[in-house]
């Protein structure tokens, strides 16, 4: 399935974050889009507060791998820690979630 051609509604739910030999079960809310400037798929969102992830960020770790059920793991970048303990996460390229089924872009039939 061509993930770049899909209409993406993102992913919200359980995931596994791996960085520097640490594996943490997390909850994420992520979405993505093809960026017209560079033509590549950019995805990102937030990792819900998790002490282990906050410790990675405070320790200077910025590279990670994110995996969700039904998707292949994807390389990610950990961003800043927010005031609630969550962490911004971003990636470029194939997202970690399985693409949604293609949706028709044709208008609904309005005939009676």
PDB file of N, CA and C in Angstrom:
ATOM      1  N   UNK A   1       0.850  -1.181   0.000  1.00  0.00           N
ATOM      2  CA  UNK A   1       0.000   0.000   0.000  1.00  0.00           C
ATOM      3  C   UNK A   1       0.896   1.245   0.000  1.00  0.00           C
ATOM      4  N   UNK A   2       0.600   2.199  -0.817  1.00  0.00           N
ATOM      5  CA  UNK A   2       1.388   3.420  -0.936  1.00  0.00           C
ATOM      6  C   UNK A   2       0.960   4.420   0.135  1.00  0.00           C
ATOM      7  N   UNK A   3       1.716   4.510   1.225  1.00  0.00           N
ATOM      8  CA  UNK A   3       1.323   5.367   2.350  1.00  0.00           C
ATOM      9  C   UNK A   3       1.327   6.838   1.995  1.00  0.00           C
ATOM     10  N   UNK A   4       2.123   7.273   1.026  1.00  0.00           N
ATOM     11  CA  UNK A   4       2.148   8.687   0.658  1.00  0.00           C
ATOM     12  C   UNK A   4       0.860   9.131  -0.022  1.00  0.00           C
ATOM     13  N   UNK A   5       0.159   8.199  -0.657  1.00  0.00           N
ATOM     14  CA  UNK A   5      -1.038   8.548  -1.405  1.00  0.00           C
ATOM     15  C   UNK A   5      -2.296   8.533  -0.537  1.00  0.00           C
ATOM     16  N   UNK A   6      -2.158   8.160   0.722  1.00  0.00           N
ATOM     17  CA  UNK A   6      -3.322   8.013   1.583  1.00  0.00           C
ATOM     18  C   UNK A   6      -3.762   9.338   2.181  1.00  0.00           C
ATOM     19  N   UNK A   7      -5.062   9.433   2.455  1.00  0.00           N
ATOM     20  CA  UNK A   7      -5.590  10.540   3.235  1.00  0.00           C
ATOM     21  C   UNK A   7      -5.342  10.135   4.673  1.00  0.00           C
ATOM     22  N   UNK A   8      -4.562  10.910   5.395  1.00  0.00           N
ATOM     23  CA  UNK A   8      -4.099  10.500   6.705  1.00  0.00           C
ATOM     24  C   UNK A   8      -4.890  11.148   7.828  1.00  0.00           C
ATOM     25  N   UNK A   9      -5.445  10.314   8.682  1.00  0.00           N
ATOM     26  CA  UNK A   9      -6.135  10.827   9.853  1.00  0.00           C
ATOM     27  C   UNK A   9      -5.288  10.644  11.093  1.00  0.00           C
ATOM     28  N   UNK A  10      -4.085  10.122  10.956  1.00  0.00           N
ATOM     29  CA  UNK A  10      -3.180   9.977  12.075  1.00  0.00           C
ATOM     30  C   UNK A  10      -3.457   8.764  12.933  1.00  0.00           C
ATOM     31  N   UNK A  11      -2.937   8.822  14.150  1.00  0.00           N
ATOM     32  CA  UNK A  11      -3.055   7.711  15.078  1.00  0.00           C
ATOM     33  C   UNK A  11      -3.115   8.264  16.492  1.00  0.00           C
ATOM     34  N   UNK A  12      -3.960   7.663  17.297  1.00  0.00           N
ATOM     35  CA  UNK A  12      -4.065   8.015  18.712  1.00  0.00           C
ATOM     36  C   UNK A  12      -4.204   6.713  19.475  1.00  0.00           C
ATOM     37  N   UNK A  13      -3.252   6.437  20.374  1.00  0.00           N
ATOM     38  CA  UNK A  13      -3.338   5.203  21.145  1.00  0.00           C
ATOM     39  C   UNK A  13      -1.993   4.730  21.649  1.00  0.00           C
ATOM     40  N   UNK A  14      -1.937   3.445  21.938  1.00  0.00           N
ATOM     41  CA  UNK A  14      -0.740   2.828  22.516  1.00  0.00           C
ATOM     42  C   UNK A  14       0.383   2.713  21.488  1.00  0.00           C
ATOM     43  N   UNK A  15       1.613   2.851  21.978  1.00  0.00           N
ATOM     44  CA  UNK A  15       2.795   2.731  21.132  1.00  0.00           C
ATOM     45  C   UNK A  15       3.973   2.303  22.004  1.00  0.00           C
ATOM     46  N   UNK A  16       5.072   1.979  21.344  1.00  0.00           N
ATOM     47  CA  UNK A  16       6.314   1.662  22.045  1.00  0.00           C
ATOM     48  C   UNK A  16       7.382   2.607  21.531  1.00  0.00           C
ATOM     49  N   UNK A  17       8.065   3.273  22.460  1.00  0.00           N
ATOM     50  CA  UNK A  17       9.146   4.190  22.120  1.00  0.00           C
ATOM     51  C   UNK A  17      10.451   3.542  22.558  1.00  0.00           C
ATOM     52  N   UNK A  18      11.433   3.522  21.661  1.00  0.00           N
ATOM     53  CA  UNK A  18      12.758   2.965  21.970  1.00  0.00           C
ATOM     54  C   UNK A  18      13.814   4.036  21.740  1.00  0.00           C
ATOM     55  N   UNK A  19      14.715   4.163  22.721  1.00  0.00           N
ATOM     56  CA  UNK A  19      15.830   5.106  22.592  1.00  0.00           C
ATOM     57  C   UNK A  19      16.953   4.674  23.507  1.00  0.00           C
ATOM     58  N   UNK A  20      18.143   4.589  22.977  1.00  0.00           N
ATOM     59  CA  UNK A  20      19.337   4.252  23.765  1.00  0.00           C
ATOM     60  C   UNK A  20      19.161   3.006  24.617  1.00  0.00           C
ATOM     61  N   UNK A  21      18.557   1.970  24.036  1.00  0.00           N
ATOM     62  CA  UNK A  21      18.386   0.712  24.752  1.00  0.00           C
ATOM     63  C   UNK A  21      17.223   0.684  25.732  1.00  0.00           C
ATOM     64  N   UNK A  22      16.492   1.780  25.838  1.00  0.00           N
ATOM     65  CA  UNK A  22      15.332   1.861  26.727  1.00  0.00           C
ATOM     66  C   UNK A  22      14.075   1.687  25.885  1.00  0.00           C
ATOM     67  N   UNK A  23      13.167   0.824  26.327  1.00  0.00           N
ATOM     68  CA  UNK A  23      11.897   0.615  25.640  1.00  0.00           C
ATOM     69  C   UNK A  23      10.776   0.971  26.605  1.00  0.00           C
ATOM     70  N   UNK A  24       9.895   1.881  26.170  1.00  0.00           N
ATOM     71  CA  UNK A  24       8.837   2.385  27.034  1.00  0.00           C
ATOM     72  C   UNK A  24       7.486   2.264  26.337  1.00  0.00           C
ATOM     73  N   UNK A  25       6.505   1.693  27.032  1.00  0.00           N
ATOM     74  CA  UNK A  25       5.132   1.675  26.527  1.00  0.00           C
ATOM     75  C   UNK A  25       4.555   3.071  26.779  1.00  0.00           C
ATOM     76  N   UNK A  26       4.044   3.695  25.717  1.00  0.00           N
ATOM     77  CA  UNK A  26       3.540   5.069  25.809  1.00  0.00           C
ATOM     78  C   UNK A  26       2.189   5.190  25.119  1.00  0.00           C
ATOM     79  N   UNK A  27       1.572   6.330  25.315  1.00  0.00           N
ATOM     80  CA  UNK A  27       0.366   6.695  24.581  1.00  0.00           C
ATOM     81  C   UNK A  27       0.720   7.909  23.737  1.00  0.00           C
ATOM     82  N   UNK A  28       0.322   7.892  22.470  1.00  0.00           N
ATOM     83  CA  UNK A  28       0.672   8.986  21.563  1.00  0.00           C
ATOM     84  C   UNK A  28      -0.554   9.486  20.817  1.00  0.00           C
ATOM     85  N   UNK A  29      -0.447  10.717  20.350  1.00  0.00           N
ATOM     86  CA  UNK A  29      -1.412  11.290  19.425  1.00  0.00           C
ATOM     87  C   UNK A  29      -0.589  11.961  18.337  1.00  0.00           C
ATOM     88  N   UNK A  30      -0.641  11.388  17.130  1.00  0.00           N
ATOM     89  CA  UNK A  30       0.197  11.864  16.029  1.00  0.00           C
ATOM     90  C   UNK A  30      -0.611  11.953  14.739  1.00  0.00           C
ATOM     91  N   UNK A  31      -0.159  12.809  13.860  1.00  0.00           N
ATOM     92  CA  UNK A  31      -0.769  12.937  12.540  1.00  0.00           C
ATOM     93  C   UNK A  31       0.321  13.364  11.570  1.00  0.00           C
ATOM     94  N   UNK A  32      -0.010  13.386  10.278  1.00  0.00           N
ATOM     95  CA  UNK A  32       1.004  13.733   9.297  1.00  0.00           C
ATOM     96  C   UNK A  32       0.427  14.306   8.032  1.00  0.00           C
ATOM     97  N   UNK A  33       1.353  14.749   7.181  1.00  0.00           N
ATOM     98  CA  UNK A  33       0.966  15.352   5.919  1.00  0.00           C
ATOM     99  C   UNK A  33       2.173  15.351   4.979  1.00  0.00           C
ATOM    100  N   UNK A  34       1.910  15.434   3.698  1.00  0.00           N
ATOM    101  CA  UNK A  34       2.988  15.634   2.727  1.00  0.00           C
ATOM    102  C   UNK A  34       3.242  17.129   2.689  1.00  0.00           C
ATOM    103  N   UNK A  35       4.478  17.508   2.917  1.00  0.00           N
ATOM    104  CA  UNK A  35       4.880  18.912   2.914  1.00  0.00           C
ATOM    105  C   UNK A  35       5.170  19.315   1.477  1.00  0.00           C
ATOM    106  N   UNK A  36       4.404  20.283   0.934  1.00  0.00           N
ATOM    107  CA  UNK A  36       4.594  20.645  -0.467  1.00  0.00           C
ATOM    108  C   UNK A  36       5.963  21.263  -0.776  1.00  0.00           C
ATOM    109  N   UNK A  37       6.591  21.854   0.202  1.00  0.00           N
ATOM    110  CA  UNK A  37       7.882  22.506  -0.045  1.00  0.00           C
ATOM    111  C   UNK A  37       8.960  21.490  -0.388  1.00  0.00           C
ATOM    112  N   UNK A  38       9.017  20.382   0.376  1.00  0.00           N
ATOM    113  CA  UNK A  38      10.058  19.397   0.099  1.00  0.00           C
ATOM    114  C   UNK A  38       9.519  18.086  -0.484  1.00  0.00           C
ATOM    115  N   UNK A  39       8.178  17.946  -0.545  1.00  0.00           N
ATOM    116  CA  UNK A  39       7.572  16.761  -1.133  1.00  0.00           C
ATOM    117  C   UNK A  39       7.675  15.521  -0.265  1.00  0.00           C
ATOM    118  N   UNK A  40       8.108  15.672   0.980  1.00  0.00           N
ATOM    119  CA  UNK A  40       8.254  14.511   1.862  1.00  0.00           C
ATOM    120  C   UNK A  40       7.127  14.488   2.889  1.00  0.00           C
ATOM    121  N   UNK A  41       6.896  13.313   3.444  1.00  0.00           N
ATOM    122  CA  UNK A  41       5.856  13.140   4.454  1.00  0.00           C
ATOM    123  C   UNK A  41       6.425  13.524   5.816  1.00  0.00           C
ATOM    124  N   UNK A  42       5.774  14.446   6.503  1.00  0.00           N
ATOM    125  CA  UNK A  42       6.174  14.888   7.840  1.00  0.00           C
ATOM    126  C   UNK A  42       5.077  14.478   8.818  1.00  0.00           C
ATOM    127  N   UNK A  43       5.452  13.862   9.914  1.00  0.00           N
ATOM    128  CA  UNK A  43       4.481  13.473  10.923  1.00  0.00           C
ATOM    129  C   UNK A  43       4.964  13.936  12.292  1.00  0.00           C
ATOM    130  N   UNK A  44       4.045  14.088  13.191  1.00  0.00           N
ATOM    131  CA  UNK A  44       4.423  14.505  14.534  1.00  0.00           C
ATOM    132  C   UNK A  44       3.230  14.571  15.451  1.00  0.00           C
ATOM    133  N   UNK A  45       3.519  14.794  16.699  1.00  0.00           N
ATOM    134  CA  UNK A  45       2.472  14.889  17.699  1.00  0.00           C
ATOM    135  C   UNK A  45       3.062  14.906  19.082  1.00  0.00           C
ATOM    136  N   UNK A  46       2.383  14.227  19.987  1.00  0.00           N
ATOM    137  CA  UNK A  46       2.753  14.294  21.397  1.00  0.00           C
ATOM    138  C   UNK A  46       2.742  12.908  22.025  1.00  0.00           C
ATOM    139  N   UNK A  47       3.762  12.654  22.838  1.00  0.00           N
ATOM    140  CA  UNK A  47       3.806  11.473  23.685  1.00  0.00           C
ATOM    141  C   UNK A  47       3.224  11.912  25.022  1.00  0.00           C
ATOM    142  N   UNK A  48       2.202  11.204  25.498  1.00  0.00           N
ATOM    143  CA  UNK A  48       1.594  11.544  26.789  1.00  0.00           C
ATOM    144  C   UNK A  48       2.647  11.448  27.902  1.00  0.00           C
ATOM    145  N   UNK A  49       2.438  12.170  28.997  1.00  0.00           N
ATOM    146  CA  UNK A  49       3.417  12.144  30.091  1.00  0.00           C
ATOM    147  C   UNK A  49       3.809  10.727  30.505  1.00  0.00           C
ATOM    148  N   UNK A  50       5.116  10.488  30.501  1.00  0.00           N
ATOM    149  CA  UNK A  50       5.700   9.213  30.926  1.00  0.00           C
ATOM    150  C   UNK A  50       7.054   9.533  31.544  1.00  0.00           C
ATOM    151  N   UNK A  51       7.249   9.238  32.828  1.00  0.00           N
ATOM    152  CA  UNK A  51       8.514   9.586  33.494  1.00  0.00           C
ATOM    153  C   UNK A  51       9.757   9.084  32.767  1.00  0.00           C
ATOM    154  N   UNK A  52       9.688   7.882  32.169  1.00  0.00           N
ATOM    155  CA  UNK A  52      10.856   7.330  31.483  1.00  0.00           C
ATOM    156  C   UNK A  52      11.220   8.156  30.254  1.00  0.00           C
ATOM    157  N   UNK A  53      10.217   8.637  29.528  1.00  0.00           N
ATOM    158  CA  UNK A  53      10.468   9.460  28.342  1.00  0.00           C
ATOM    159  C   UNK A  53      10.997  10.829  28.760  1.00  0.00           C
ATOM    160  N   UNK A  54      10.418  11.405  29.803  1.00  0.00           N
ATOM    161  CA  UNK A  54      10.903  12.697  30.315  1.00  0.00           C
ATOM    162  C   UNK A  54      12.368  12.583  30.735  1.00  0.00           C
ATOM    163  N   UNK A  55      12.738  11.461  31.345  1.00  0.00           N
ATOM    164  CA  UNK A  55      14.126  11.253  31.760  1.00  0.00           C
ATOM    165  C   UNK A  55      15.057  11.176  30.548  1.00  0.00           C
ATOM    166  N   UNK A  56      14.606  10.525  29.468  1.00  0.00           N
ATOM    167  CA  UNK A  56      15.415  10.471  28.243  1.00  0.00           C
ATOM    168  C   UNK A  56      15.672  11.879  27.714  1.00  0.00           C
ATOM    169  N   UNK A  57      14.620  12.692  27.643  1.00  0.00           N
ATOM    170  CA  UNK A  57      14.752  14.054  27.120  1.00  0.00           C
ATOM    171  C   UNK A  57      15.650  14.893  28.026  1.00  0.00           C
ATOM    172  N   UNK A  58      15.422  14.810  29.319  1.00  0.00           N
ATOM    173  CA  UNK A  58      16.272  15.568  30.266  1.00  0.00           C
ATOM    174  C   UNK A  58      17.727  15.125  30.190  1.00  0.00           C
ATOM    175  N   UNK A  59      17.942  13.860  29.824  1.00  0.00           N
ATOM    176  CA  UNK A  59      19.300  13.328  29.679  1.00  0.00           C
ATOM    177  C   UNK A  59      19.925  13.636  28.324  1.00  0.00           C
ATOM    178  N   UNK A  60      19.215  14.373  27.479  1.00  0.00           N
ATOM    179  CA  UNK A  60      19.777  14.789  26.194  1.00  0.00           C
ATOM    180  C   UNK A  60      19.489  13.861  25.032  1.00  0.00           C
ATOM    181  N   UNK A  61      18.696  12.826  25.229  1.00  0.00           N
ATOM    182  CA  UNK A  61      18.379  11.916  24.119  1.00  0.00           C
ATOM    183  C   UNK A  61      17.362  12.582  23.203  1.00  0.00           C
ATOM    184  N   UNK A  62      17.621  12.560  21.922  1.00  0.00           N
ATOM    185  CA  UNK A  62      16.719  13.180  20.954  1.00  0.00           C
ATOM    186  C   UNK A  62      16.302  12.238  19.843  1.00  0.00           C
ATOM    187  N   UNK A  63      17.025  11.152  19.629  1.00  0.00           N
ATOM    188  CA  UNK A  63      16.642  10.202  18.593  1.00  0.00           C
ATOM    189  C   UNK A  63      15.924   9.023  19.229  1.00  0.00           C
ATOM    190  N   UNK A  64      14.933   8.513  18.522  1.00  0.00           N
ATOM    191  CA  UNK A  64      14.144   7.399  19.037  1.00  0.00           C
ATOM    192  C   UNK A  64      13.531   6.642  17.871  1.00  0.00           C
ATOM    193  N   UNK A  65      12.879   5.564  18.214  1.00  0.00           N
ATOM    194  CA  UNK A  65      12.109   4.783  17.257  1.00  0.00           C
ATOM    195  C   UNK A  65      10.727   4.622  17.876  1.00  0.00           C
ATOM    196  N   UNK A  66       9.690   4.833  17.074  1.00  0.00           N
ATOM    197  CA  UNK A  66       8.324   4.702  17.560  1.00  0.00           C
ATOM    198  C   UNK A  66       7.627   3.599  16.776  1.00  0.00           C
ATOM    199  N   UNK A  67       6.952   2.705  17.499  1.00  0.00           N
ATOM    200  CA  UNK A  67       6.226   1.603  16.853  1.00  0.00           C
ATOM    201  C   UNK A  67       4.817   1.539  17.423  1.00  0.00           C
ATOM    202  N   UNK A  68       3.858   1.297  16.542  1.00  0.00           N
ATOM    203  CA  UNK A  68       2.468   1.093  16.960  1.00  0.00           C
ATOM    204  C   UNK A  68       1.979  -0.209  16.342  1.00  0.00           C
ATOM    205  N   UNK A  69       0.947  -0.801  16.934  1.00  0.00           N
ATOM    206  CA  UNK A  69       0.411  -2.056  16.416  1.00  0.00           C
ATOM    207  C   UNK A  69      -0.043  -1.874  14.970  1.00  0.00           C
ATOM    208  N   UNK A  70       0.342  -2.797  14.117  1.00  0.00           N
ATOM    209  CA  UNK A  70      -0.066  -2.742  12.722  1.00  0.00           C
ATOM    210  C   UNK A  70       0.827  -1.906  11.837  1.00  0.00           C
ATOM    211  N   UNK A  71       1.841  -1.279  12.401  1.00  0.00           N
ATOM    212  CA  UNK A  71       2.743  -0.444  11.612  1.00  0.00           C
ATOM    213  C   UNK A  71       4.189  -0.834  11.839  1.00  0.00           C
ATOM    214  N   UNK A  72       5.035  -0.439  10.926  1.00  0.00           N
ATOM    215  CA  UNK A  72       6.473  -0.679  11.066  1.00  0.00           C
ATOM    216  C   UNK A  72       7.081   0.412  11.942  1.00  0.00           C
ATOM    217  N   UNK A  73       8.102   0.104  12.747  1.00  0.00           N
ATOM    218  CA  UNK A  73       8.763   1.144  13.544  1.00  0.00           C
ATOM    219  C   UNK A  73       9.330   2.238  12.636  1.00  0.00           C
ATOM    220  N   UNK A  74       9.302   3.460  13.119  1.00  0.00           N
ATOM    221  CA  UNK A  74       9.810   4.596  12.344  1.00  0.00           C
ATOM    222  C   UNK A  74      10.775   5.412  13.194  1.00  0.00           C
ATOM    223  N   UNK A  75      11.773   5.974  12.539  1.00  0.00           N
ATOM    224  CA  UNK A  75      12.717   6.852  13.221  1.00  0.00           C
ATOM    225  C   UNK A  75      12.006   8.139  13.612  1.00  0.00           C
ATOM    226  N   UNK A  76      12.304   8.627  14.798  1.00  0.00           N
ATOM    227  CA  UNK A  76      11.644   9.825  15.308  1.00  0.00           C
ATOM    228  C   UNK A  76      12.641  10.709  16.037  1.00  0.00           C
ATOM    229  N   UNK A  77      12.221  11.932  16.235  1.00  0.00           N
ATOM    230  CA  UNK A  77      13.016  12.906  16.984  1.00  0.00           C
ATOM    231  C   UNK A  77      12.184  13.363  18.178  1.00  0.00           C
ATOM    232  N   UNK A  78      12.780  13.300  19.358  1.00  0.00           N
ATOM    233  CA  UNK A  78      12.118  13.774  20.569  1.00  0.00           C
ATOM    234  C   UNK A  78      12.380  15.264  20.709  1.00  0.00           C
ATOM    235  N   UNK A  79      11.324  16.003  20.988  1.00  0.00           N
ATOM    236  CA  UNK A  79      11.437  17.452  21.132  1.00  0.00           C
ATOM    237  C   UNK A  79      11.414  17.865  22.592  1.00  0.00           C
ATOM    238  N   UNK A  80      10.838  19.020  22.794  1.00  0.00           N
ATOM    239  CA  UNK A  80      10.814  19.596  24.133  1.00  0.00           C
ATOM    240  C   UNK A  80       9.797  18.910  25.044  1.00  0.00           C
ATOM    241  N   UNK A  81      10.059  19.032  26.331  1.00  0.00           N
ATOM    242  CA  UNK A  81       9.164  18.550  27.374  1.00  0.00           C
ATOM    243  C   UNK A  81       8.155  19.656  27.649  1.00  0.00           C
ATOM    244  N   UNK A  82       6.855  19.341  27.601  1.00  0.00           N
ATOM    245  CA  UNK A  82       5.860  20.391  27.853  1.00  0.00           C
ATOM    246  C   UNK A  82       5.584  20.515  29.361  1.00  0.00           C
ATOM    247  N   UNK A  83       4.863  21.545  29.781  1.00  0.00           N
ATOM    248  CA  UNK A  83       4.622  21.768  31.217  1.00  0.00           C
ATOM    249  C   UNK A  83       3.885  20.622  31.916  1.00  0.00           C
ATOM    250  N   UNK A  84       3.203  19.761  31.174  1.00  0.00           N
ATOM    251  CA  UNK A  84       2.451  18.660  31.762  1.00  0.00           C
ATOM    252  C   UNK A  84       3.241  17.357  31.771  1.00  0.00           C
ATOM    253  N   UNK A  85       4.458  17.378  31.233  1.00  0.00           N
ATOM    254  CA  UNK A  85       5.295  16.187  31.222  1.00  0.00           C
ATOM    255  C   UNK A  85       5.264  15.407  29.926  1.00  0.00           C
ATOM    256  N   UNK A  86       4.496  15.864  28.942  1.00  0.00           N
ATOM    257  CA  UNK A  86       4.472  15.216  27.633  1.00  0.00           C
ATOM    258  C   UNK A  86       5.666  15.649  26.801  1.00  0.00           C
ATOM    259  N   UNK A  87       5.919  14.926  25.736  1.00  0.00           N
ATOM    260  CA  UNK A  87       7.066  15.223  24.868  1.00  0.00           C
ATOM    261  C   UNK A  87       6.607  15.302  23.419  1.00  0.00           C
ATOM    262  N   UNK A  88       7.052  16.333  22.724  1.00  0.00           N
ATOM    263  CA  UNK A  88       6.791  16.481  21.291  1.00  0.00           C
ATOM    264  C   UNK A  88       7.622  15.437  20.562  1.00  0.00           C
ATOM    265  N   UNK A  89       7.021  14.798  19.540  1.00  0.00           N
ATOM    266  CA  UNK A  89       7.735  13.805  18.742  1.00  0.00           C
ATOM    267  C   UNK A  89       7.468  14.105  17.273  1.00  0.00           C
ATOM    268  N   UNK A  90       8.508  14.003  16.451  1.00  0.00           N
ATOM    269  CA  UNK A  90       8.369  14.294  15.021  1.00  0.00           C
ATOM    270  C   UNK A  90       9.150  13.273  14.206  1.00  0.00           C
ATOM    271  N   UNK A  91       8.778  13.176  12.943  1.00  0.00           N
ATOM    272  CA  UNK A  91       9.494  12.302  12.029  1.00  0.00           C
ATOM    273  C   UNK A  91       9.261  12.743  10.603  1.00  0.00           C
ATOM    274  N   UNK A  92      10.139  12.289   9.716  1.00  0.00           N
ATOM    275  CA  UNK A  92      10.019  12.570   8.286  1.00  0.00           C
ATOM    276  C   UNK A  92      10.160  11.238   7.567  1.00  0.00           C
ATOM    277  N   UNK A  93       9.236  10.973   6.665  1.00  0.00           N
ATOM    278  CA  UNK A  93       9.238   9.704   5.950  1.00  0.00           C
ATOM    279  C   UNK A  93       8.059   8.861   6.379  1.00  0.00           C
ATOM    280  N   UNK A  94       8.174   7.570   6.198  1.00  0.00           N
ATOM    281  CA  UNK A  94       7.089   6.647   6.528  1.00  0.00           C
ATOM    282  C   UNK A  94       6.696   6.807   7.990  1.00  0.00           C
ATOM    283  N   UNK A  95       5.395   6.949   8.265  1.00  0.00           N
ATOM    284  CA  UNK A  95       4.958   7.084   9.659  1.00  0.00           C
ATOM    285  C   UNK A  95       4.935   5.727  10.366  1.00  0.00           C
ATOM    286  N   UNK A  96       4.884   5.720  11.695  1.00  0.00           N
ATOM    287  CA  UNK A  96       4.890   4.453  12.427  1.00  0.00           C
ATOM    288  C   UNK A  96       3.551   3.726  12.447  1.00  0.00           C
ATOM    289  N   UNK A  97       2.486   4.375  12.034  1.00  0.00           N
ATOM    290  CA  UNK A  97       1.179   3.713  12.025  1.00  0.00           C
ATOM    291  C   UNK A  97       0.850   3.235  10.619  1.00  0.00           C
ATOM    292  N   UNK A  98      -0.005   2.226  10.548  1.00  0.00           N
ATOM    293  CA  UNK A  98      -0.426   1.701   9.245  1.00  0.00           C
ATOM    294  C   UNK A  98      -1.321   2.733   8.573  1.00  0.00           C
ATOM    295  N   UNK A  99      -1.166   2.928   7.280  1.00  0.00           N
ATOM    296  CA  UNK A  99      -2.001   3.914   6.593  1.00  0.00           C
ATOM    297  C   UNK A  99      -3.464   3.519   6.594  1.00  0.00           C
ATOM    298  N   UNK A 100      -4.311   4.517   6.594  1.00  0.00           N
ATOM    299  CA  UNK A 100      -5.756   4.286   6.516  1.00  0.00           C
ATOM    300  C   UNK A 100      -6.115   3.821   5.113  1.00  0.00           C
ATOM    301  N   UNK A 101      -7.259   3.202   4.995  1.00  0.00           N
ATOM    302  CA  UNK A 101      -7.740   2.799   3.671  1.00  0.00           C
ATOM    303  C   UNK A 101      -8.015   4.049   2.851  1.00  0.00           C
ATOM    304  N   UNK A 102      -7.734   4.021   1.564  1.00  0.00           N
ATOM    305  CA  UNK A 102      -7.978   5.198   0.739  1.00  0.00           C
ATOM    306  C   UNK A 102      -9.463   5.574   0.766  1.00  0.00           C
ATOM    307  N   UNK A 103      -9.712   6.865   0.776  1.00  0.00           N
ATOM    308  CA  UNK A 103     -11.083   7.360   0.721  1.00  0.00           C
ATOM    309  C   UNK A 103     -11.301   8.024  -0.623  1.00  0.00           C
ATOM    310  N   UNK A 104     -12.494   7.907  -1.116  1.00  0.00           N
ATOM    311  CA  UNK A 104     -12.833   8.541  -2.379  1.00  0.00           C
ATOM    312  C   UNK A 104     -12.877  10.046  -2.183  1.00  0.00           C
ATOM    313  N   UNK A 105     -12.354  10.773  -3.122  1.00  0.00           N
ATOM    314  CA  UNK A 105     -12.405  12.236  -3.054  1.00  0.00           C
ATOM    315  C   UNK A 105     -13.540  12.780  -3.909  1.00  0.00           C
ATOM    316  N   UNK A 106     -14.378  11.879  -4.429  1.00  0.00           N
ATOM    317  CA  UNK A 106     -15.503  12.301  -5.245  1.00  0.00           C
ATOM    318  C   UNK A 106     -16.661  12.712  -4.342  1.00  0.00           C
ATOM    319  N   UNK A 107     -17.443  13.710  -4.741  1.00  0.00           N
ATOM    320  CA  UNK A 107     -18.586  14.086  -3.928  1.00  0.00           C
ATOM    321  C   UNK A 107     -19.619  12.973  -3.889  1.00  0.00           C
ATOM    322  N   UNK A 108     -20.373  12.936  -2.794  1.00  0.00           N
ATOM    323  CA  UNK A 108     -21.416  11.917  -2.650  1.00  0.00           C
ATOM    324  C   UNK A 108     -22.473  12.113  -3.727  1.00  0.00           C
ATOM    325  N   UNK A 109     -23.073  11.027  -4.166  1.00  0.00           N
ATOM    326  CA  UNK A 109     -24.130  11.078  -5.182  1.00  0.00           C
ATOM    327  C   UNK A 109     -25.362  11.754  -4.575  1.00  0.00           C
ATOM    328  N   UNK A 110     -25.802  12.845  -5.165  1.00  0.00           N
ATOM    329  CA  UNK A 110     -26.937  13.581  -4.617  1.00  0.00           C
ATOM    330  C   UNK A 110     -28.235  13.297  -5.364  1.00  0.00           C
ATOM    331  N   UNK A 111     -28.187  12.290  -6.254  1.00  0.00           N
ATOM    332  CA  UNK A 111     -29.416  11.986  -6.972  1.00  0.00           C
ATOM    333  C   UNK A 111     -30.388  11.244  -6.062  1.00  0.00           C
ATOM    334  N   UNK A 112     -31.698  11.416  -6.352  1.00  0.00           N
ATOM    335  CA  UNK A 112     -32.714  10.783  -5.515  1.00  0.00           C
ATOM    336  C   UNK A 112     -33.235   9.536  -6.157  1.00  0.00           C
TER     337      UNK A 112
END
